[in-house]
Full PDB file with SEQRES, HELIX, SHEET, SSBOND, CRYST1, ORIGX, SCALE, CONECT and MASTER records, all heavy atoms in Angstrom:
SEQRES   1 A   30  ASN THR THR GLU TYR GLY SER ASP HIS GLN HIS LYS TYR          
SEQRES   2 A   30  ASN ILE THR GLY LEU THR PRO GLY THR LYS TYR TYR TYR          
SEQRES   3 A   30  ARG VAL THR MET                                              
CRYST1    1.000    1.000    1.000  90.00  90.00  90.00 P 1           1          
ORIGX1      1.000000  0.000000  0.000000        0.00000                         
ORIGX2      0.000000  1.000000  0.000000        0.00000                         
ORIGX3      0.000000  0.000000  1.000000        0.00000                         
SCALE1      1.000000  0.000000  0.000000        0.00000                         
SCALE2      0.000000  1.000000  0.000000        0.00000                         
SCALE3      0.000000  0.000000  1.000000        0.00000                         
ATOM      1  N   ASN A   1      19.738 -10.872  -6.109  1.00  0.00           N  
ATOM      2  CA  ASN A   1      20.850 -10.013  -5.733  1.00  0.00           C  
ATOM      3  C   ASN A   1      20.359  -8.574  -5.633  1.00  0.00           C  
ATOM      4  O   ASN A   1      19.531  -8.125  -6.434  1.00  0.00           O  
ATOM      5  CB  ASN A   1      21.973 -10.098  -6.752  1.00  0.00           C  
ATOM      6  CG  ASN A   1      22.770 -11.381  -6.642  1.00  0.00           C  
ATOM      7  OD1 ASN A   1      22.643 -12.109  -5.664  1.00  0.00           O  
ATOM      8  ND2 ASN A   1      23.579 -11.661  -7.637  1.00  0.00           N  
ATOM      9  N   THR A   2      20.885  -7.830  -4.674  1.00  0.00           N  
ATOM     10  CA  THR A   2      20.474  -6.446  -4.487  1.00  0.00           C  
ATOM     11  C   THR A   2      21.686  -5.527  -4.544  1.00  0.00           C  
ATOM     12  O   THR A   2      22.785  -5.911  -4.140  1.00  0.00           O  
ATOM     13  CB  THR A   2      19.774  -6.239  -3.133  1.00  0.00           C  
ATOM     14  OG1 THR A   2      20.707  -6.462  -2.067  1.00  0.00           O  
ATOM     15  CG2 THR A   2      18.587  -7.180  -2.984  1.00  0.00           C  
ATOM     16  N   THR A   3      21.473  -4.331  -5.046  1.00  0.00           N  
ATOM     17  CA  THR A   3      22.484  -3.289  -5.005  1.00  0.00           C  
ATOM     18  C   THR A   3      21.991  -2.191  -4.085  1.00  0.00           C  
ATOM     19  O   THR A   3      20.806  -2.070  -3.796  1.00  0.00           O  
ATOM     20  CB  THR A   3      22.745  -2.719  -6.414  1.00  0.00           C  
ATOM     21  OG1 THR A   3      21.511  -2.268  -6.986  1.00  0.00           O  
ATOM     22  CG2 THR A   3      23.357  -3.786  -7.319  1.00  0.00           C  
ATOM     23  N   GLU A   4      22.911  -1.381  -3.621  1.00  0.00           N  
ATOM     24  CA  GLU A   4      22.534  -0.378  -2.630  1.00  0.00           C  
ATOM     25  C   GLU A   4      21.765   0.773  -3.259  1.00  0.00           C  
ATOM     26  O   GLU A   4      21.813   1.002  -4.466  1.00  0.00           O  
ATOM     27  CB  GLU A   4      23.759   0.143  -1.908  1.00  0.00           C  
ATOM     28  CG  GLU A   4      24.731   0.930  -2.777  1.00  0.00           C  
ATOM     29  CD  GLU A   4      25.945   1.381  -1.982  1.00  0.00           C  
ATOM     30  OE1 GLU A   4      26.536   0.565  -1.246  1.00  0.00           O  
ATOM     31  OE2 GLU A   4      26.304   2.571  -2.108  1.00  0.00           O  
ATOM     32  N   TYR A   5      21.033   1.471  -2.411  1.00  0.00           N  
ATOM     33  CA  TYR A   5      20.340   2.682  -2.833  1.00  0.00           C  
ATOM     34  C   TYR A   5      20.731   3.800  -1.884  1.00  0.00           C  
ATOM     35  O   TYR A   5      21.238   3.560  -0.785  1.00  0.00           O  
ATOM     36  CB  TYR A   5      18.820   2.480  -2.840  1.00  0.00           C  
ATOM     37  CG  TYR A   5      18.181   2.398  -1.471  1.00  0.00           C  
ATOM     38  CD1 TYR A   5      17.608   3.524  -0.886  1.00  0.00           C  
ATOM     39  CD2 TYR A   5      18.165   1.201  -0.760  1.00  0.00           C  
ATOM     40  CE1 TYR A   5      17.036   3.461   0.374  1.00  0.00           C  
ATOM     41  CE2 TYR A   5      17.592   1.123   0.495  1.00  0.00           C  
ATOM     42  CZ  TYR A   5      17.025   2.255   1.062  1.00  0.00           C  
ATOM     43  OH  TYR A   5      16.468   2.185   2.313  1.00  0.00           O  
ATOM     44  N   GLY A   6      20.483   5.035  -2.284  1.00  0.00           N  
ATOM     45  CA  GLY A   6      20.868   6.160  -1.443  1.00  0.00           C  
ATOM     46  C   GLY A   6      22.373   6.343  -1.431  1.00  0.00           C  
ATOM     47  O   GLY A   6      23.078   5.970  -2.368  1.00  0.00           O  
ATOM     48  N   SER A   7      22.881   6.903  -0.341  1.00  0.00           N  
ATOM     49  CA  SER A   7      24.304   7.245  -0.291  1.00  0.00           C  
ATOM     50  C   SER A   7      25.021   6.636   0.908  1.00  0.00           C  
ATOM     51  O   SER A   7      26.147   7.012   1.212  1.00  0.00           O  
ATOM     52  CB  SER A   7      24.463   8.774  -0.237  1.00  0.00           C  
ATOM     53  OG  SER A   7      23.789   9.298   0.902  1.00  0.00           O  
ATOM     54  N   ASP A   8      24.368   5.681   1.589  1.00  0.00           N  
ATOM     55  CA  ASP A   8      24.972   5.165   2.814  1.00  0.00           C  
ATOM     56  C   ASP A   8      24.905   3.636   2.881  1.00  0.00           C  
ATOM     57  O   ASP A   8      24.654   3.071   3.940  1.00  0.00           O  
ATOM     58  CB  ASP A   8      24.281   5.782   4.046  1.00  0.00           C  
ATOM     59  CG  ASP A   8      25.098   5.625   5.325  1.00  0.00           C  
ATOM     60  OD1 ASP A   8      26.291   5.306   5.227  1.00  0.00           O  
ATOM     61  OD2 ASP A   8      24.531   5.804   6.417  1.00  0.00           O  
ATOM     62  N   HIS A   9      25.114   2.984   1.746  1.00  0.00           N  
ATOM     63  CA  HIS A   9      25.230   1.528   1.680  1.00  0.00           C  
ATOM     64  C   HIS A   9      23.996   0.802   2.223  1.00  0.00           C  
ATOM     65  O   HIS A   9      24.116  -0.245   2.861  1.00  0.00           O  
ATOM     66  CB  HIS A   9      26.488   1.049   2.417  1.00  0.00           C  
ATOM     67  CG  HIS A   9      27.741   1.772   2.031  1.00  0.00           C  
ATOM     68  ND1 HIS A   9      28.181   1.831   0.720  1.00  0.00           N  
ATOM     69  CD2 HIS A   9      28.631   2.483   2.773  1.00  0.00           C  
ATOM     70  CE1 HIS A   9      29.307   2.538   0.674  1.00  0.00           C  
ATOM     71  NE2 HIS A   9      29.586   2.944   1.895  1.00  0.00           N  
ATOM     72  N   GLN A  10      22.828   1.365   1.970  1.00  0.00           N  
ATOM     73  CA  GLN A  10      21.592   0.706   2.380  1.00  0.00           C  
ATOM     74  C   GLN A  10      21.065  -0.189   1.266  1.00  0.00           C  
ATOM     75  O   GLN A  10      21.228   0.112   0.077  1.00  0.00           O  
ATOM     76  CB  GLN A  10      20.529   1.736   2.742  1.00  0.00           C  
ATOM     77  CG  GLN A  10      20.813   2.478   4.040  1.00  0.00           C  
ATOM     78  CD  GLN A  10      19.747   3.504   4.327  1.00  0.00           C  
ATOM     79  OE1 GLN A  10      19.844   4.645   3.888  1.00  0.00           O  
ATOM     80  NE2 GLN A  10      18.714   3.092   5.044  1.00  0.00           N  
ATOM     81  N   HIS A  11      20.411  -1.255   1.665  1.00  0.00           N  
ATOM     82  CA  HIS A  11      19.765  -2.174   0.739  1.00  0.00           C  
ATOM     83  C   HIS A  11      18.329  -2.396   1.199  1.00  0.00           C  
ATOM     84  O   HIS A  11      18.037  -2.336   2.397  1.00  0.00           O  
ATOM     85  CB  HIS A  11      20.480  -3.530   0.717  1.00  0.00           C  
ATOM     86  CG  HIS A  11      21.821  -3.508   0.087  1.00  0.00           C  
ATOM     87  ND1 HIS A  11      22.111  -4.187  -1.083  1.00  0.00           N  
ATOM     88  CD2 HIS A  11      22.976  -2.895   0.450  1.00  0.00           C  
ATOM     89  CE1 HIS A  11      23.378  -3.997  -1.405  1.00  0.00           C  
ATOM     90  NE2 HIS A  11      23.929  -3.225  -0.485  1.00  0.00           N  
ATOM     91  N   LYS A  12      17.459  -2.639   0.251  1.00  0.00           N  
ATOM     92  CA  LYS A  12      16.116  -3.080   0.602  1.00  0.00           C  
ATOM     93  C   LYS A  12      15.547  -3.869  -0.570  1.00  0.00           C  
ATOM     94  O   LYS A  12      15.927  -3.674  -1.720  1.00  0.00           O  
ATOM     95  CB  LYS A  12      15.187  -1.913   0.945  1.00  0.00           C  
ATOM     96  CG  LYS A  12      14.836  -0.983  -0.205  1.00  0.00           C  
ATOM     97  CD  LYS A  12      13.866   0.103   0.259  1.00  0.00           C  
ATOM     98  CE  LYS A  12      13.578   1.088  -0.871  1.00  0.00           C  
ATOM     99  NZ  LYS A  12      12.642   2.148  -0.438  1.00  0.00           N  
ATOM    100  N   TYR A  13      14.636  -4.771  -0.218  1.00  0.00           N  
ATOM    101  CA  TYR A  13      13.965  -5.531  -1.258  1.00  0.00           C  
ATOM    102  C   TYR A  13      12.524  -5.742  -0.832  1.00  0.00           C  
ATOM    103  O   TYR A  13      12.254  -6.154   0.305  1.00  0.00           O  
ATOM    104  CB  TYR A  13      14.644  -6.876  -1.500  1.00  0.00           C  
ATOM    105  CG  TYR A  13      14.037  -7.602  -2.679  1.00  0.00           C  
ATOM    106  CD1 TYR A  13      14.346  -7.202  -3.978  1.00  0.00           C  
ATOM    107  CD2 TYR A  13      13.121  -8.628  -2.495  1.00  0.00           C  
ATOM    108  CE1 TYR A  13      13.769  -7.824  -5.068  1.00  0.00           C  
ATOM    109  CE2 TYR A  13      12.540  -9.263  -3.585  1.00  0.00           C  
ATOM    110  CZ  TYR A  13      12.859  -8.852  -4.873  1.00  0.00           C  
ATOM    111  OH  TYR A  13      12.281  -9.452  -5.957  1.00  0.00           O  
ATOM    112  N   ASN A  14      11.610  -5.447  -1.743  1.00  0.00           N  
ATOM    113  CA  ASN A  14      10.182  -5.621  -1.481  1.00  0.00           C  
ATOM    114  C   ASN A  14       9.752  -6.970  -2.034  1.00  0.00           C  
ATOM    115  O   ASN A  14       9.674  -7.152  -3.248  1.00  0.00           O  
ATOM    116  CB  ASN A  14       9.379  -4.481  -2.114  1.00  0.00           C  
ATOM    117  CG  ASN A  14       7.942  -4.480  -1.659  1.00  0.00           C  
ATOM    118  OD1 ASN A  14       7.665  -4.647  -0.471  1.00  0.00           O  
ATOM    119  ND2 ASN A  14       7.016  -4.289  -2.578  1.00  0.00           N  
ATOM    120  N   ILE A  15       9.514  -7.918  -1.138  1.00  0.00           N  
ATOM    121  CA  ILE A  15       9.085  -9.252  -1.546  1.00  0.00           C  
ATOM    122  C   ILE A  15       7.616  -9.190  -1.936  1.00  0.00           C  
ATOM    123  O   ILE A  15       6.785  -8.685  -1.184  1.00  0.00           O  
ATOM    124  CB  ILE A  15       9.290 -10.264  -0.406  1.00  0.00           C  
ATOM    125  CG1 ILE A  15      10.766 -10.313   0.014  1.00  0.00           C  
ATOM    126  CG2 ILE A  15       8.825 -11.652  -0.830  1.00  0.00           C  
ATOM    127  CD1 ILE A  15      11.023 -11.167   1.235  1.00  0.00           C  
ATOM    128  N   THR A  16       7.274  -9.696  -3.105  1.00  0.00           N  
ATOM    129  CA  THR A  16       5.900  -9.675  -3.590  1.00  0.00           C  
ATOM    130  C   THR A  16       5.400 -11.104  -3.794  1.00  0.00           C  
ATOM    131  O   THR A  16       6.142 -12.069  -3.655  1.00  0.00           O  
ATOM    132  CB  THR A  16       5.799  -8.892  -4.909  1.00  0.00           C  
ATOM    133  OG1 THR A  16       6.614  -9.547  -5.901  1.00  0.00           O  
ATOM    134  CG2 THR A  16       6.289  -7.454  -4.735  1.00  0.00           C  
ATOM    135  N   GLY A  17       4.118 -11.202  -4.119  1.00  0.00           N  
ATOM    136  CA  GLY A  17       3.539 -12.508  -4.410  1.00  0.00           C  
ATOM    137  C   GLY A  17       3.321 -13.389  -3.194  1.00  0.00           C  
ATOM    138  O   GLY A  17       3.204 -14.617  -3.319  1.00  0.00           O  
ATOM    139  N   LEU A  18       3.246 -12.788  -2.009  1.00  0.00           N  
ATOM    140  CA  LEU A  18       3.044 -13.557  -0.790  1.00  0.00           C  
ATOM    141  C   LEU A  18       1.590 -13.995  -0.655  1.00  0.00           C  
ATOM    142  O   LEU A  18       0.688 -13.348  -1.176  1.00  0.00           O  
ATOM    143  CB  LEU A  18       3.441 -12.728   0.429  1.00  0.00           C  
ATOM    144  CG  LEU A  18       4.869 -12.178   0.454  1.00  0.00           C  
ATOM    145  CD1 LEU A  18       5.060 -11.264   1.650  1.00  0.00           C  
ATOM    146  CD2 LEU A  18       5.880 -13.315   0.476  1.00  0.00           C  
ATOM    147  N   THR A  19       1.375 -15.076   0.070  1.00  0.00           N  
ATOM    148  CA  THR A  19       0.027 -15.524   0.395  1.00  0.00           C  
ATOM    149  C   THR A  19      -0.359 -14.942   1.747  1.00  0.00           C  
ATOM    150  O   THR A  19       0.333 -15.192   2.741  1.00  0.00           O  
ATOM    151  CB  THR A  19      -0.048 -17.052   0.453  1.00  0.00           C  
ATOM    152  OG1 THR A  19       0.331 -17.584  -0.818  1.00  0.00           O  
ATOM    153  CG2 THR A  19      -1.462 -17.518   0.791  1.00  0.00           C  
ATOM    154  N   PRO A  20      -1.421 -14.125   1.823  1.00  0.00           N  
ATOM    155  CA  PRO A  20      -1.787 -13.497   3.095  1.00  0.00           C  
ATOM    156  C   PRO A  20      -1.916 -14.505   4.230  1.00  0.00           C  
ATOM    157  O   PRO A  20      -2.431 -15.609   4.060  1.00  0.00           O  
ATOM    158  CB  PRO A  20      -3.128 -12.837   2.779  1.00  0.00           C  
ATOM    159  CG  PRO A  20      -3.048 -12.528   1.315  1.00  0.00           C  
ATOM    160  CD  PRO A  20      -2.302 -13.690   0.725  1.00  0.00           C  
ATOM    161  N   GLY A  21      -1.405 -14.112   5.391  1.00  0.00           N  
ATOM    162  CA  GLY A  21      -1.493 -14.937   6.582  1.00  0.00           C  
ATOM    163  C   GLY A  21      -0.485 -16.058   6.674  1.00  0.00           C  
ATOM    164  O   GLY A  21      -0.445 -16.774   7.682  1.00  0.00           O  
ATOM    165  N   THR A  22       0.359 -16.224   5.663  1.00  0.00           N  
ATOM    166  CA  THR A  22       1.314 -17.332   5.617  1.00  0.00           C  
ATOM    167  C   THR A  22       2.652 -16.911   6.212  1.00  0.00           C  
ATOM    168  O   THR A  22       3.102 -15.781   6.021  1.00  0.00           O  
ATOM    169  CB  THR A  22       1.520 -17.802   4.163  1.00  0.00           C  
ATOM    170  OG1 THR A  22       0.273 -18.238   3.632  1.00  0.00           O  
ATOM    171  CG2 THR A  22       2.537 -18.927   4.076  1.00  0.00           C  
ATOM    172  N   LYS A  23       3.303 -17.830   6.926  1.00  0.00           N  
ATOM    173  CA  LYS A  23       4.621 -17.531   7.491  1.00  0.00           C  
ATOM    174  C   LYS A  23       5.706 -17.785   6.445  1.00  0.00           C  
ATOM    175  O   LYS A  23       5.693 -18.803   5.751  1.00  0.00           O  
ATOM    176  CB  LYS A  23       4.892 -18.378   8.732  1.00  0.00           C  
ATOM    177  CG  LYS A  23       6.219 -18.026   9.410  1.00  0.00           C  
ATOM    178  CD  LYS A  23       6.371 -18.681  10.751  1.00  0.00           C  
ATOM    179  CE  LYS A  23       7.683 -18.285  11.422  1.00  0.00           C  
ATOM    180  NZ  LYS A  23       7.833 -18.833  12.782  1.00  0.00           N  
ATOM    181  N   TYR A  24       6.646 -16.849   6.372  1.00  0.00           N  
ATOM    182  CA  TYR A  24       7.777 -16.946   5.445  1.00  0.00           C  
ATOM    183  C   TYR A  24       9.087 -16.792   6.211  1.00  0.00           C  
ATOM    184  O   TYR A  24       9.141 -16.157   7.273  1.00  0.00           O  
ATOM    185  CB  TYR A  24       7.694 -15.852   4.375  1.00  0.00           C  
ATOM    186  CG  TYR A  24       6.587 -16.070   3.375  1.00  0.00           C  
ATOM    187  CD1 TYR A  24       5.297 -15.616   3.636  1.00  0.00           C  
ATOM    188  CD2 TYR A  24       6.821 -16.742   2.178  1.00  0.00           C  
ATOM    189  CE1 TYR A  24       4.260 -15.828   2.729  1.00  0.00           C  
ATOM    190  CE2 TYR A  24       5.800 -16.956   1.268  1.00  0.00           C  
ATOM    191  CZ  TYR A  24       4.523 -16.493   1.547  1.00  0.00           C  
ATOM    192  OH  TYR A  24       3.504 -16.713   0.635  1.00  0.00           O  
ATOM    193  N   TYR A  25      10.126 -17.382   5.639  1.00  0.00           N  
ATOM    194  CA  TYR A  25      11.476 -17.277   6.173  1.00  0.00           C  
ATOM    195  C   TYR A  25      12.341 -16.577   5.129  1.00  0.00           C  
ATOM    196  O   TYR A  25      12.116 -16.718   3.926  1.00  0.00           O  
ATOM    197  CB  TYR A  25      12.045 -18.667   6.468  1.00  0.00           C  
ATOM    198  CG  TYR A  25      11.245 -19.449   7.477  1.00  0.00           C  
ATOM    199  CD1 TYR A  25      10.098 -20.153   7.081  1.00  0.00           C  
ATOM    200  CD2 TYR A  25      11.617 -19.479   8.814  1.00  0.00           C  
ATOM    201  CE1 TYR A  25       9.348 -20.862   8.012  1.00  0.00           C  
ATOM    202  CE2 TYR A  25      10.881 -20.192   9.749  1.00  0.00           C  
ATOM    203  CZ  TYR A  25       9.745 -20.881   9.333  1.00  0.00           C  
ATOM    204  OH  TYR A  25       9.010 -21.578  10.253  1.00  0.00           O  
ATOM    205  N   TYR A  26      13.334 -15.815   5.594  1.00  0.00           N  
ATOM    206  CA  TYR A  26      14.228 -15.153   4.641  1.00  0.00           C  
ATOM    207  C   TYR A  26      15.664 -15.194   5.163  1.00  0.00           C  
ATOM    208  O   TYR A  26      15.920 -15.348   6.355  1.00  0.00           O  
ATOM    209  CB  TYR A  26      13.781 -13.714   4.371  1.00  0.00           C  
ATOM    210  CG  TYR A  26      13.928 -12.768   5.543  1.00  0.00           C  
ATOM    211  CD1 TYR A  26      15.091 -12.014   5.717  1.00  0.00           C  
ATOM    212  CD2 TYR A  26      12.907 -12.614   6.478  1.00  0.00           C  
ATOM    213  CE1 TYR A  26      15.240 -11.143   6.782  1.00  0.00           C  
ATOM    214  CE2 TYR A  26      13.036 -11.748   7.546  1.00  0.00           C  
ATOM    215  CZ  TYR A  26      14.202 -11.010   7.698  1.00  0.00           C  
ATOM    216  OH  TYR A  26      14.347 -10.158   8.774  1.00  0.00           O  
ATOM    217  N   ARG A  27      16.583 -15.058   4.213  1.00  0.00           N  
ATOM    218  CA  ARG A  27      18.016 -15.027   4.525  1.00  0.00           C  
ATOM    219  C   ARG A  27      18.663 -13.923   3.709  1.00  0.00           C  
ATOM    220  O   ARG A  27      18.478 -13.851   2.484  1.00  0.00           O  
ATOM    221  CB  ARG A  27      18.666 -16.368   4.176  1.00  0.00           C  
ATOM    222  CG  ARG A  27      20.182 -16.417   4.464  1.00  0.00           C  
ATOM    223  CD  ARG A  27      20.781 -17.716   3.950  1.00  0.00           C  
ATOM    224  NE  ARG A  27      20.646 -17.809   2.493  1.00  0.00           N  
ATOM    225  CZ  ARG A  27      20.465 -18.953   1.838  1.00  0.00           C  
ATOM    226  NH1 ARG A  27      20.355 -20.089   2.497  1.00  0.00           N  
ATOM    227  NH2 ARG A  27      20.359 -18.945   0.521  1.00  0.00           N  
ATOM    228  N   VAL A  28      19.392 -13.046   4.371  1.00  0.00           N  
ATOM    229  CA  VAL A  28      20.133 -11.983   3.690  1.00  0.00           C  
ATOM    230  C   VAL A  28      21.616 -12.290   3.808  1.00  0.00           C  
ATOM    231  O   VAL A  28      22.129 -12.502   4.915  1.00  0.00           O  
ATOM    232  CB  VAL A  28      19.818 -10.609   4.302  1.00  0.00           C  
ATOM    233  CG1 VAL A  28      20.720  -9.529   3.688  1.00  0.00           C  
ATOM    234  CG2 VAL A  28      18.350 -10.252   4.090  1.00  0.00           C  
ATOM    235  N   THR A  29      22.315 -12.327   2.674  1.00  0.00           N  
ATOM    236  CA  THR A  29      23.742 -12.595   2.649  1.00  0.00           C  
ATOM    237  C   THR A  29      24.471 -11.304   2.305  1.00  0.00           C  
ATOM    238  O   THR A  29      24.206 -10.681   1.274  1.00  0.00           O  
ATOM    239  CB  THR A  29      24.084 -13.693   1.625  1.00  0.00           C  
ATOM    240  OG1 THR A  29      23.371 -14.885   1.978  1.00  0.00           O  
ATOM    241  CG2 THR A  29      25.571 -13.978   1.612  1.00  0.00           C  
ATOM    242  N   MET A  30      25.378 -10.901   3.199  1.00  0.00           N  
ATOM    243  CA  MET A  30      26.147  -9.667   3.061  1.00  0.00           C  
ATOM    244  C   MET A  30      27.612 -10.054   3.124  1.00  0.00           C  
ATOM    245  O   MET A  30      28.125 -10.335   4.208  1.00  0.00           O  
ATOM    246  CB  MET A  30      25.800  -8.706   4.196  1.00  0.00           C  
ATOM    247  CG  MET A  30      24.325  -8.345   4.276  1.00  0.00           C  
ATOM    248  SD  MET A  30      23.821  -7.729   5.912  1.00  0.00           S  
ATOM    249  CE  MET A  30      23.551  -9.280   6.780  1.00  0.00           C  
TER     250      MET A  30                                                      
MASTER        0    0    0    0    0    0    0    6  249    1    0    3          
END                                                                             
């Protein structure tokens, strides 16, 4: 789960632990 940062309802998440060169899929629910 993410909460907003800044003052304009922005969200971001830094995904870590990835395997270099590997394809990943993601889903953001708002």
